[in-house]
Amino acid sequence: MDPATGAFPKGIQAQTRQSLANVKAILEKAGSGMDQVIKTTVFLSDMDDFAAMNEVYASFFKEGSYPARSAVEVARLPRDALVEIEVIAAV
């Protein structure tokens, strides 16, 4: 969600972008960055959204140094989100 408004953007790509922007901001505040992400888990409400999510996801990481990733479809996410992304990173 957008931390300023508490609202979810519309669509899988916008929600993926916001989720990863939030992760990036948290990591930077901790003195780390997206290049320090070791593993991600992507929870999707619909696996048919994988390709659209992946297009945005790839733009947050350097080519050739993507973190390990798992992606799973779940029955429902909090507040009916389309995507949730969990990361493990070095700080």
N, C-alpha and C. Protein backbone atom coordinates (compact mmCIF):
# COMPACT_ATOMS: atom_id res chain seq x y z
N MET A 1 0.82 -1.18 0.00
CA MET A 1 0.00 0.00 0.00
C MET A 1 0.87 1.25 0.00
N ASP A 2 0.30 2.33 -0.42
CA ASP A 2 1.00 3.60 -0.42
C ASP A 2 1.08 4.09 1.02
N PRO A 3 2.28 4.24 1.59
CA PRO A 3 2.39 4.63 2.99
C PRO A 3 1.82 6.02 3.28
N ALA A 4 1.76 6.88 2.28
CA ALA A 4 1.24 8.23 2.48
C ALA A 4 -0.29 8.25 2.58
N THR A 5 -0.94 7.37 1.82
CA THR A 5 -2.40 7.41 1.77
C THR A 5 -3.07 6.19 2.40
N GLY A 6 -2.32 5.08 2.51
CA GLY A 6 -2.91 3.84 3.01
C GLY A 6 -3.73 3.11 1.96
N ALA A 7 -3.73 3.61 0.74
CA ALA A 7 -4.52 3.01 -0.34
C ALA A 7 -3.68 2.05 -1.17
N PHE A 8 -4.35 1.09 -1.77
CA PHE A 8 -3.70 0.17 -2.69
C PHE A 8 -3.81 0.73 -4.11
N PRO A 9 -2.72 0.71 -4.87
CA PRO A 9 -2.84 1.06 -6.27
C PRO A 9 -3.70 0.02 -6.98
N LYS A 10 -4.22 0.36 -8.12
CA LYS A 10 -5.06 -0.57 -8.88
C LYS A 10 -4.20 -1.37 -9.85
N GLY A 11 -4.41 -2.67 -9.90
CA GLY A 11 -3.74 -3.53 -10.85
C GLY A 11 -2.49 -4.18 -10.29
N ILE A 12 -2.16 -5.33 -10.86
CA ILE A 12 -1.02 -6.11 -10.37
C ILE A 12 0.31 -5.40 -10.57
N GLN A 13 0.51 -4.74 -11.69
CA GLN A 13 1.78 -4.06 -11.91
C GLN A 13 1.97 -2.89 -10.96
N ALA A 14 0.94 -2.11 -10.75
CA ALA A 14 1.03 -0.97 -9.83
C ALA A 14 1.24 -1.45 -8.39
N GLN A 15 0.58 -2.53 -8.00
CA GLN A 15 0.75 -3.05 -6.64
C GLN A 15 2.15 -3.66 -6.47
N THR A 16 2.66 -4.32 -7.50
CA THR A 16 4.02 -4.86 -7.43
C THR A 16 5.02 -3.72 -7.29
N ARG A 17 4.85 -2.69 -8.11
CA ARG A 17 5.75 -1.53 -8.07
C ARG A 17 5.72 -0.88 -6.68
N GLN A 18 4.54 -0.71 -6.11
CA GLN A 18 4.42 -0.08 -4.79
C GLN A 18 5.04 -0.98 -3.72
N SER A 19 4.80 -2.28 -3.80
CA SER A 19 5.37 -3.21 -2.82
C SER A 19 6.89 -3.15 -2.82
N LEU A 20 7.48 -3.18 -4.01
CA LEU A 20 8.93 -3.15 -4.10
C LEU A 20 9.50 -1.77 -3.78
N ALA A 21 8.78 -0.72 -4.08
CA ALA A 21 9.22 0.63 -3.67
C ALA A 21 9.23 0.73 -2.15
N ASN A 22 8.25 0.12 -1.50
CA ASN A 22 8.21 0.11 -0.04
C ASN A 22 9.39 -0.66 0.53
N VAL A 23 9.68 -1.83 -0.06
CA VAL A 23 10.83 -2.63 0.38
C VAL A 23 12.11 -1.82 0.20
N LYS A 24 12.26 -1.19 -0.96
CA LYS A 24 13.46 -0.39 -1.24
C LYS A 24 13.63 0.72 -0.20
N ALA A 25 12.56 1.40 0.13
CA ALA A 25 12.62 2.50 1.12
C ALA A 25 13.03 1.97 2.49
N ILE A 26 12.48 0.84 2.89
CA ILE A 26 12.83 0.24 4.19
C ILE A 26 14.30 -0.15 4.22
N LEU A 27 14.76 -0.80 3.15
CA LEU A 27 16.16 -1.21 3.10
C LEU A 27 17.10 -0.01 3.12
N GLU A 28 16.78 1.02 2.36
CA GLU A 28 17.63 2.21 2.33
C GLU A 28 17.68 2.89 3.69
N LYS A 29 16.56 2.92 4.38
CA LYS A 29 16.54 3.51 5.72
C LYS A 29 17.44 2.73 6.68
N ALA A 30 17.57 1.42 6.43
CA ALA A 30 18.43 0.56 7.26
C ALA A 30 19.88 0.56 6.78
N GLY A 31 20.18 1.36 5.76
CA GLY A 31 21.55 1.43 5.25
C GLY A 31 21.88 0.33 4.26
N SER A 32 20.88 -0.29 3.68
CA SER A 32 21.08 -1.38 2.73
C SER A 32 20.44 -0.99 1.39
N GLY A 33 20.18 -1.95 0.54
CA GLY A 33 19.57 -1.65 -0.75
C GLY A 33 19.07 -2.91 -1.42
N MET A 34 18.46 -2.73 -2.56
CA MET A 34 17.89 -3.86 -3.29
C MET A 34 18.96 -4.85 -3.73
N ASP A 35 20.20 -4.37 -3.91
CA ASP A 35 21.29 -5.27 -4.29
C ASP A 35 21.68 -6.22 -3.17
N GLN A 36 21.16 -5.98 -1.97
CA GLN A 36 21.45 -6.85 -0.83
C GLN A 36 20.33 -7.86 -0.55
N VAL A 37 19.29 -7.87 -1.39
CA VAL A 37 18.20 -8.83 -1.23
C VAL A 37 18.72 -10.21 -1.64
N ILE A 38 18.57 -11.17 -0.74
CA ILE A 38 19.06 -12.52 -0.95
C ILE A 38 17.96 -13.44 -1.45
N LYS A 39 16.74 -13.27 -0.91
CA LYS A 39 15.62 -14.17 -1.20
C LYS A 39 14.32 -13.41 -1.13
N THR A 40 13.41 -13.69 -2.03
CA THR A 40 12.07 -13.12 -1.96
C THR A 40 11.04 -14.24 -2.04
N THR A 41 9.90 -13.97 -1.46
CA THR A 41 8.73 -14.81 -1.62
C THR A 41 7.62 -13.90 -2.09
N VAL A 42 7.04 -14.25 -3.23
CA VAL A 42 5.96 -13.46 -3.82
C VAL A 42 4.66 -14.24 -3.65
N PHE A 43 3.71 -13.62 -3.00
CA PHE A 43 2.39 -14.21 -2.80
C PHE A 43 1.43 -13.53 -3.77
N LEU A 44 0.82 -14.30 -4.64
CA LEU A 44 -0.10 -13.77 -5.65
C LEU A 44 -1.51 -14.28 -5.39
N SER A 45 -2.49 -13.42 -5.54
CA SER A 45 -3.87 -13.87 -5.40
C SER A 45 -4.32 -14.62 -6.65
N ASP A 46 -3.58 -14.46 -7.76
CA ASP A 46 -3.90 -15.16 -9.01
C ASP A 46 -2.60 -15.41 -9.77
N MET A 47 -2.22 -16.67 -9.92
CA MET A 47 -0.96 -17.00 -10.59
C MET A 47 -0.96 -16.55 -12.05
N ASP A 48 -2.11 -16.29 -12.62
CA ASP A 48 -2.17 -15.75 -13.98
C ASP A 48 -1.54 -14.36 -14.06
N ASP A 49 -1.33 -13.70 -12.91
CA ASP A 49 -0.70 -12.38 -12.86
C ASP A 49 0.82 -12.46 -12.81
N PHE A 50 1.37 -13.69 -12.84
CA PHE A 50 2.82 -13.85 -12.66
C PHE A 50 3.63 -13.06 -13.69
N ALA A 51 3.31 -13.17 -14.96
CA ALA A 51 4.10 -12.50 -16.00
C ALA A 51 4.08 -10.98 -15.83
N ALA A 52 2.93 -10.42 -15.54
CA ALA A 52 2.82 -8.96 -15.34
C ALA A 52 3.59 -8.53 -14.10
N MET A 53 3.49 -9.32 -13.03
CA MET A 53 4.25 -9.02 -11.81
C MET A 53 5.74 -9.11 -12.10
N ASN A 54 6.16 -10.16 -12.81
CA ASN A 54 7.57 -10.41 -13.07
C ASN A 54 8.21 -9.29 -13.90
N GLU A 55 7.45 -8.70 -14.79
CA GLU A 55 7.96 -7.60 -15.61
C GLU A 55 8.39 -6.43 -14.72
N VAL A 56 7.56 -6.08 -13.75
CA VAL A 56 7.89 -4.99 -12.82
C VAL A 56 8.98 -5.44 -11.86
N TYR A 57 8.85 -6.64 -11.33
CA TYR A 57 9.82 -7.20 -10.36
C TYR A 57 11.23 -7.12 -10.93
N ALA A 58 11.41 -7.56 -12.17
CA ALA A 58 12.74 -7.58 -12.79
C ALA A 58 13.37 -6.19 -12.86
N SER A 59 12.57 -5.15 -12.95
CA SER A 59 13.11 -3.79 -13.07
C SER A 59 13.73 -3.28 -11.77
N PHE A 60 13.48 -3.95 -10.66
CA PHE A 60 14.03 -3.53 -9.37
C PHE A 60 15.37 -4.19 -9.04
N PHE A 61 15.81 -5.12 -9.89
CA PHE A 61 17.05 -5.85 -9.63
C PHE A 61 17.94 -5.79 -10.86
N LYS A 62 19.26 -5.90 -10.63
CA LYS A 62 20.21 -5.87 -11.74
C LYS A 62 20.16 -7.19 -12.50
N GLU A 63 20.23 -7.07 -13.81
CA GLU A 63 20.27 -8.24 -14.69
C GLU A 63 21.42 -9.15 -14.26
N GLY A 64 21.13 -10.41 -14.11
CA GLY A 64 22.16 -11.38 -13.75
C GLY A 64 22.40 -11.53 -12.26
N SER A 65 21.78 -10.69 -11.45
CA SER A 65 21.97 -10.82 -10.00
C SER A 65 20.63 -10.80 -9.26
N TYR A 66 19.67 -11.50 -9.85
CA TYR A 66 18.36 -11.59 -9.21
C TYR A 66 18.47 -12.45 -7.96
N PRO A 67 17.74 -12.09 -6.90
CA PRO A 67 17.76 -12.93 -5.69
C PRO A 67 16.99 -14.22 -5.95
N ALA A 68 17.24 -15.22 -5.10
CA ALA A 68 16.42 -16.43 -5.16
C ALA A 68 14.97 -16.03 -4.92
N ARG A 69 14.04 -16.76 -5.54
CA ARG A 69 12.63 -16.37 -5.41
C ARG A 69 11.73 -17.58 -5.41
N SER A 70 10.71 -17.49 -4.59
CA SER A 70 9.58 -18.42 -4.63
C SER A 70 8.35 -17.58 -4.94
N ALA A 71 7.44 -18.15 -5.70
CA ALA A 71 6.17 -17.47 -5.99
C ALA A 71 5.06 -18.48 -5.79
N VAL A 72 4.06 -18.09 -5.01
CA VAL A 72 2.95 -18.99 -4.73
C VAL A 72 1.63 -18.24 -4.87
N GLU A 73 0.62 -18.99 -5.27
CA GLU A 73 -0.74 -18.44 -5.31
C GLU A 73 -1.40 -18.74 -3.97
N VAL A 74 -2.07 -17.74 -3.43
CA VAL A 74 -2.76 -17.90 -2.15
C VAL A 74 -4.24 -17.59 -2.35
N ALA A 75 -5.06 -18.13 -1.46
CA ALA A 75 -6.51 -17.93 -1.58
C ALA A 75 -6.90 -16.47 -1.41
N ARG A 76 -6.23 -15.78 -0.50
CA ARG A 76 -6.59 -14.38 -0.24
C ARG A 76 -5.46 -13.70 0.50
N LEU A 77 -5.25 -12.43 0.19
CA LEU A 77 -4.26 -11.61 0.88
C LEU A 77 -4.97 -10.55 1.71
N PRO A 78 -4.31 -10.03 2.73
CA PRO A 78 -4.93 -8.99 3.55
C PRO A 78 -5.44 -7.83 2.70
N ARG A 79 -6.61 -7.34 3.05
CA ARG A 79 -7.25 -6.22 2.38
C ARG A 79 -7.44 -6.47 0.88
N ASP A 80 -7.52 -7.75 0.53
CA ASP A 80 -7.73 -8.18 -0.86
C ASP A 80 -6.66 -7.66 -1.83
N ALA A 81 -5.44 -7.55 -1.33
CA ALA A 81 -4.32 -7.17 -2.20
C ALA A 81 -4.14 -8.22 -3.28
N LEU A 82 -3.52 -7.83 -4.37
CA LEU A 82 -3.23 -8.76 -5.46
C LEU A 82 -1.87 -9.43 -5.30
N VAL A 83 -0.96 -8.76 -4.58
CA VAL A 83 0.40 -9.26 -4.40
C VAL A 83 0.95 -8.83 -3.05
N GLU A 84 1.77 -9.69 -2.48
CA GLU A 84 2.53 -9.36 -1.27
C GLU A 84 3.91 -9.93 -1.48
N ILE A 85 4.94 -9.16 -1.14
CA ILE A 85 6.31 -9.59 -1.36
C ILE A 85 7.09 -9.53 -0.05
N GLU A 86 7.67 -10.66 0.28
CA GLU A 86 8.50 -10.79 1.48
C GLU A 86 9.95 -10.90 1.04
N VAL A 87 10.85 -10.22 1.74
CA VAL A 87 12.27 -10.30 1.35
C VAL A 87 13.15 -10.63 2.56
N ILE A 88 14.26 -11.27 2.25
CA ILE A 88 15.35 -11.45 3.20
C ILE A 88 16.53 -10.73 2.58
N ALA A 89 17.12 -9.81 3.35
CA ALA A 89 18.22 -9.01 2.82
C ALA A 89 19.30 -8.82 3.87
N ALA A 90 20.52 -8.61 3.41
CA ALA A 90 21.61 -8.25 4.30
C ALA A 90 21.51 -6.76 4.59
N VAL A 91 21.73 -6.40 5.82
CA VAL A 91 21.71 -4.97 6.17
C VAL A 91 23.00 -4.55 6.81
